[in-house]
Every structure is written in structure tokens, then in C-alpha cells.
Amino acid sequence: MRVSVTTQLSEPLIGLQYDDLPPDAVNAAKNAILDTLGCMLAGAQTEDMPAIVQQLTGDELPEQSTVIGFGKKTSVHYALLLNATMGHAVELDDG
């Protein structure tokens, strides 16, 4: 039986505990998360973002997930779209 690439990549991670991670990897992950959040907050300040957020939030949509920087919630899919858009809006995220 042929094993998928996804299975081959994920099997070593099954059962992995936080304490198993090297400190350098934990620090790198924390820095990447902070960098992404900073980019999202900067992207939230762009001229067009408030109008886009207004279109994808509202009473008719479920309040499932947070839209960073706006104090609003929307569907999981729209929050993902909005937060990702903000993360790339000012192209700071690759540094």
C-alpha cells in the first residue's frame, strides 16, 4: 500500500508535545506570530479596509470569528479572508 505524502509528513508530528520542541523553534514561531499580528494591525489601517470589513460583517452574518483591529466578528470564512487580506495589505510580512 502506498502512503500519501501528507501521511508521511504528519506522522512524525503525532503525539508531539510542546516540551519536545527545541527552544529556537519556539522562539522563531513566536516571532512569526507577532510579526503576522503586527502586519495585520498595519493592514487594518489602510484606506480601503474599513469599507471591506463593513461589507463582510453585519447582522445577517454569524459572529463566529474576530476581525483583528476592528472589534467585530463575522463568519469563520470572512474573518479568515479579512485577516489574511490585512496581513498582506502593506507587504510587511516577509521580513
Protein backbone atom coordinates (compact mmCIF):
# COMPACT_ATOMS: atom_id res chain seq x y z
CA MET A 1 0.00 0.00 0.00
CA ARG A 2 1.29 3.41 -0.98
CA VAL A 3 1.45 6.02 1.81
CA SER A 4 0.44 9.58 0.90
CA VAL A 5 2.84 12.48 1.21
CA THR A 6 0.50 14.08 3.76
CA THR A 7 0.69 10.97 5.93
CA GLN A 8 4.47 10.81 5.61
CA LEU A 9 4.80 14.45 6.68
CA SER A 10 2.28 14.31 9.52
CA GLU A 11 3.21 11.01 11.19
CA PRO A 12 6.30 12.37 12.99
CA LEU A 13 4.11 15.12 14.47
CA ILE A 14 1.52 12.82 16.00
CA GLY A 15 2.00 12.85 19.74
CA LEU A 16 4.48 15.73 19.61
CA GLN A 17 4.40 17.74 22.84
CA TYR A 18 5.34 21.37 23.38
CA ASP A 19 8.24 20.33 25.60
CA ASP A 20 9.64 18.28 22.70
CA LEU A 21 10.17 21.41 20.60
CA PRO A 22 13.63 23.00 20.51
CA PRO A 23 13.70 26.45 22.17
CA ASP A 24 14.93 28.04 18.93
CA ALA A 25 11.88 26.68 17.08
CA VAL A 26 9.52 28.00 19.77
CA ASN A 27 11.14 31.46 19.64
CA ALA A 28 11.01 31.50 15.84
CA ALA A 29 7.31 30.59 15.91
CA LYS A 30 6.55 33.28 18.49
CA ASN A 31 8.37 35.89 16.41
CA ALA A 32 6.49 34.83 13.28
CA ILE A 33 3.15 35.09 15.08
CA LEU A 34 3.97 38.56 16.44
CA ASP A 35 5.19 39.66 13.00
CA THR A 36 1.94 38.48 11.42
CA LEU A 37 -0.21 40.24 14.03
CA GLY A 38 1.76 43.44 13.50
CA CYS A 39 1.24 43.21 9.75
CA MET A 40 -2.48 42.61 10.27
CA LEU A 41 -2.80 45.66 12.52
CA ALA A 42 -0.92 47.79 9.99
CA GLY A 43 -3.15 46.44 7.22
CA ALA A 44 -6.24 47.34 9.26
CA GLN A 45 -5.18 50.99 8.98
CA THR A 46 -5.19 51.07 5.18
CA GLU A 47 -7.68 53.34 3.45
CA ASP A 48 -9.90 50.67 1.93
CA MET A 49 -10.01 48.14 4.75
CA PRO A 50 -12.89 49.70 6.78
CA ALA A 51 -15.19 49.55 3.75
CA ILE A 52 -14.23 45.94 3.03
CA VAL A 53 -14.81 44.97 6.66
CA GLN A 54 -18.19 46.72 6.60
CA GLN A 55 -19.24 44.63 3.60
CA LEU A 56 -18.26 41.32 5.17
CA THR A 57 -19.63 41.87 8.68
CA GLY A 58 -23.14 42.64 9.79
CA ASP A 59 -26.32 41.47 11.43
CA GLU A 60 -27.11 38.88 8.77
CA LEU A 61 -23.79 37.07 9.28
CA PRO A 62 -22.87 34.81 12.19
CA GLU A 63 -20.48 36.25 14.75
CA GLN A 64 -18.09 33.30 14.87
CA SER A 65 -14.59 34.75 14.48
CA THR A 66 -12.81 38.01 15.25
CA VAL A 67 -11.73 40.52 12.63
CA ILE A 68 -8.42 41.81 14.02
CA GLY A 69 -8.28 45.56 14.71
CA PHE A 70 -11.98 46.29 14.21
CA GLY A 71 -13.70 44.87 17.28
CA LYS A 72 -16.08 42.97 15.03
CA LYS A 73 -16.90 39.35 14.39
CA THR A 74 -18.14 37.60 11.29
CA SER A 75 -18.29 34.12 9.79
CA VAL A 76 -15.17 31.98 10.03
CA HIS A 77 -14.61 32.24 6.27
CA TYR A 78 -15.00 36.02 6.06
CA ALA A 79 -12.82 36.57 9.15
CA LEU A 80 -10.14 34.41 7.56
CA LEU A 81 -10.37 36.39 4.33
CA LEU A 82 -10.30 39.77 6.09
CA ASN A 83 -7.47 38.91 8.48
CA ALA A 84 -5.36 37.42 5.70
CA THR A 85 -6.01 40.45 3.50
CA MET A 86 -4.90 42.76 6.30
CA GLY A 87 -1.80 40.63 6.84
CA HIS A 88 -0.72 41.23 3.26
CA ALA A 89 -2.14 44.72 2.67
CA VAL A 90 1.07 46.64 3.25
CA GLU A 91 3.51 43.87 2.25
CA LEU A 92 5.48 43.86 5.50
CA ASP A 93 5.01 40.22 6.35
CA ASP A 94 8.05 38.71 4.64
CA GLY A 95 10.70 40.35 6.80
